[in-house]
C-alpha atoms as a PDB file:
ATOM      1  CA  MET A   1       1.378  -7.352  -8.336  1.00  0.00           C
ATOM      2  CA  LYS A   2       2.934  -7.949  -4.671  1.00  0.00           C
ATOM      3  CA  THR A   3       3.619  -5.627  -2.063  1.00  0.00           C
ATOM      4  CA  ALA A   4       7.446  -5.413  -1.070  1.00  0.00           C
ATOM      5  CA  LYS A   5       8.167  -7.640   1.800  1.00  0.00           C
ATOM      6  CA  GLU A   6      10.994  -5.321   2.740  1.00  0.00           C
ATOM      7  CA  TYR A   7       8.683  -3.059   4.513  1.00  0.00           C
ATOM      8  CA  GLU A   8       5.911  -3.613   7.059  1.00  0.00           C
ATOM      9  CA  LEU A   9       2.948  -1.466   8.152  1.00  0.00           C
ATOM     10  CA  GLN A  10       3.451  -0.258  11.923  1.00  0.00           C
ATOM     11  CA  TYR A  11       1.641   2.546  13.681  1.00  0.00           C
ATOM     12  CA  VAL A  12       3.879   4.952  15.876  1.00  0.00           C
ATOM     13  CA  CYS A  13       1.827   7.311  17.761  1.00  0.00           C
ATOM     14  CA  GLY A  14      -1.438   6.271  15.890  1.00  0.00           C
ATOM     15  CA  GLU A  15       0.167   7.326  12.538  1.00  0.00           C
ATOM     16  CA  PRO A  16       0.538   4.506   9.677  1.00  0.00           C
ATOM     17  CA  LEU A  17       4.057   4.212   8.397  1.00  0.00           C
ATOM     18  CA  LEU A  18       5.760   1.775   6.087  1.00  0.00           C
ATOM     19  CA  VAL A  19       8.919   0.678   8.000  1.00  0.00           C
ATOM     20  CA  PRO A  20      11.810  -0.919   6.270  1.00  0.00           C
ATOM     21  CA  THR A  21      12.579  -4.417   7.498  1.00  0.00           C
ATOM     22  CA  ASP A  22      15.897  -4.935   5.717  1.00  0.00           C
ATOM     23  CA  GLU A  23      19.383  -3.597   6.242  1.00  0.00           C
ATOM     24  CA  GLU A  24      19.480  -1.801   2.819  1.00  0.00           C
ATOM     25  CA  ASN A  25      16.476   0.268   3.086  1.00  0.00           C
ATOM     26  CA  ALA A  26      16.805   0.767   6.803  1.00  0.00           C
ATOM     27  CA  SER A  27      20.148   2.443   6.363  1.00  0.00           C
ATOM     28  CA  LYS A  28      18.299   5.090   3.988  1.00  0.00           C
ATOM     29  CA  GLN A  29      16.039   5.661   6.899  1.00  0.00           C
ATOM     30  CA  SER A  30      13.312   5.216   4.257  1.00  0.00           C
ATOM     31  CA  VAL A  31      10.168   5.515   6.710  1.00  0.00           C
ATOM     32  CA  ILE A  32       7.262   6.177   4.523  1.00  0.00           C
ATOM     33  CA  ASN A  33       3.920   8.053   5.829  1.00  0.00           C
ATOM     34  CA  LEU A  34       0.595   6.624   4.892  1.00  0.00           C
ATOM     35  CA  ASP A  35      -2.838   7.919   4.886  1.00  0.00           C
ATOM     36  CA  GLU A  36      -5.791   6.181   6.200  1.00  0.00           C
ATOM     37  CA  LEU A  37      -6.890   4.746   2.832  1.00  0.00           C
ATOM     38  CA  THR A  38      -3.401   3.716   1.956  1.00  0.00           C
ATOM     39  CA  ALA A  39      -2.644   2.095   5.166  1.00  0.00           C
ATOM     40  CA  TYR A  40      -5.766   0.148   4.995  1.00  0.00           C
ATOM     41  CA  LEU A  41      -5.023  -1.143   1.536  1.00  0.00           C
ATOM     42  CA  TRP A  42      -1.522  -1.777   2.338  1.00  0.00           C
ATOM     43  CA  GLY A  43      -2.638  -3.826   5.488  1.00  0.00           C
ATOM     44  CA  GLU A  44      -5.029  -5.773   3.449  1.00  0.00           C
ATOM     45  CA  LEU A  45      -2.758  -6.416   0.319  1.00  0.00           C
ATOM     46  CA  GLU A  46       0.337  -7.496   2.283  1.00  0.00           C
ATOM     47  CA  LYS A  47      -2.004 -10.499   3.316  1.00  0.00           C
ATOM     48  CA  ILE A  48      -2.264 -11.617  -0.174  1.00  0.00           C
ATOM     49  CA  GLU A  49       0.072 -13.315  -2.203  1.00  0.00           C
ATOM     50  CA  GLU A  50      -0.591 -11.373  -5.347  1.00  0.00           C
ATOM     51  CA  PHE A  51      -3.049  -8.868  -6.446  1.00  0.00           C
ATOM     52  CA  ASP A  52      -4.228  -6.838  -9.210  1.00  0.00           C
ATOM     53  CA  ILE A  53      -6.227  -3.510  -9.565  1.00  0.00           C
ATOM     54  CA  ASP A  54      -9.353  -5.328  -9.449  1.00  0.00           C
ATOM     55  CA  THR A  55      -8.190  -6.697  -5.917  1.00  0.00           C
ATOM     56  CA  MET A  56      -7.541  -3.123  -4.739  1.00  0.00           C
ATOM     57  CA  ILE A  57     -10.849  -2.034  -5.960  1.00  0.00           C
ATOM     58  CA  ALA A  58     -12.914  -4.657  -4.132  1.00  0.00           C
ATOM     59  CA  LEU A  59     -11.073  -3.876  -0.888  1.00  0.00           C
ATOM     60  CA  LEU A  60     -11.711  -0.129  -1.485  1.00  0.00           C
ATOM     61  CA  GLN A  61     -15.287  -0.406  -2.236  1.00  0.00           C
ATOM     62  CA  ARG A  62     -15.649  -3.017   0.930  1.00  0.00           C
ATOM     63  CA  GLU A  63     -14.373  -0.035   3.222  1.00  0.00           C
ATOM     64  CA  TYR A  64     -15.401   3.125   1.537  1.00  0.00           C
ATOM     65  CA  GLU A  65     -18.510   4.182  -0.662  1.00  0.00           C
ATOM     66  CA  VAL A  66     -16.833   4.791  -3.856  1.00  0.00           C
ATOM     67  CA  ASP A  67     -18.213   4.415  -7.368  1.00  0.00           C
ATOM     68  CA  ASP A  68     -16.487   2.165  -9.831  1.00  0.00           C
ATOM     69  CA  GLU A  69     -14.759   4.832 -11.733  1.00  0.00           C
ATOM     70  CA  THR A  70     -13.465   6.730  -8.853  1.00  0.00           C
ATOM     71  CA  ALA A  71     -12.262   3.490  -7.310  1.00  0.00           C
ATOM     72  CA  ARG A  72     -10.072   2.328 -10.385  1.00  0.00           C
ATOM     73  CA  GLU A  73      -8.675   6.149 -10.686  1.00  0.00           C
ATOM     74  CA  ASP A  74      -7.686   6.063  -7.141  1.00  0.00           C
ATOM     75  CA  CYS A  75      -6.291   2.586  -7.177  1.00  0.00           C
ATOM     76  CA  GLY A  76      -4.519   3.387 -10.374  1.00  0.00           C
ATOM     77  CA  LEU A  77      -2.666   6.571  -8.910  1.00  0.00           C
ATOM     78  CA  ILE A  78      -1.774   4.419  -5.752  1.00  0.00           C
ATOM     79  CA  ILE A  79      -0.169   1.695  -7.774  1.00  0.00           C
ATOM     80  CA  GLU A  80       1.826   4.215 -10.015  1.00  0.00           C
ATOM     81  CA  ALA A  81       3.144   5.904  -6.772  1.00  0.00           C
ATOM     82  CA  TRP A  82       3.939   2.585  -4.937  1.00  0.00           C
ATOM     83  CA  ASN A  83       5.579   1.377  -8.044  1.00  0.00           C
ATOM     84  CA  GLU A  84       7.695   4.515  -8.209  1.00  0.00           C
ATOM     85  CA  MET A  85       8.829   4.001  -4.669  1.00  0.00           C
ATOM     86  CA  GLY A  86       9.549   0.502  -5.090  1.00  0.00           C
ATOM     87  CA  LEU A  87       7.014  -0.577  -2.781  1.00  0.00           C
ATOM     88  CA  VAL A  88       5.282  -3.140  -5.378  1.00  0.00           C
ATOM     89  CA  THR A  89       6.524  -5.414  -7.767  1.00  0.00           C
ATOM     90  CA  MET A  90       4.543  -5.971 -11.077  1.00  0.00           C
END
């Protein structure tokens, strides 16, 4: 997978947001709010050319105390949501 290069992580008043960097998405005013976990993952993943769920799990477990099963479930849900929003390409 790859993160959508049309969005970049920015912090506005301390809140993590994905802000469109291209005209098409900017015209839709499609700023996306992130929580602390997804902002951390996005920030790390956008530095990587390609990633898979195992990469996400490793990043998650590096930063948070979470067992393998929970990490896999959480990362799967995040991938599903990001895919539906067009934030990742498979």
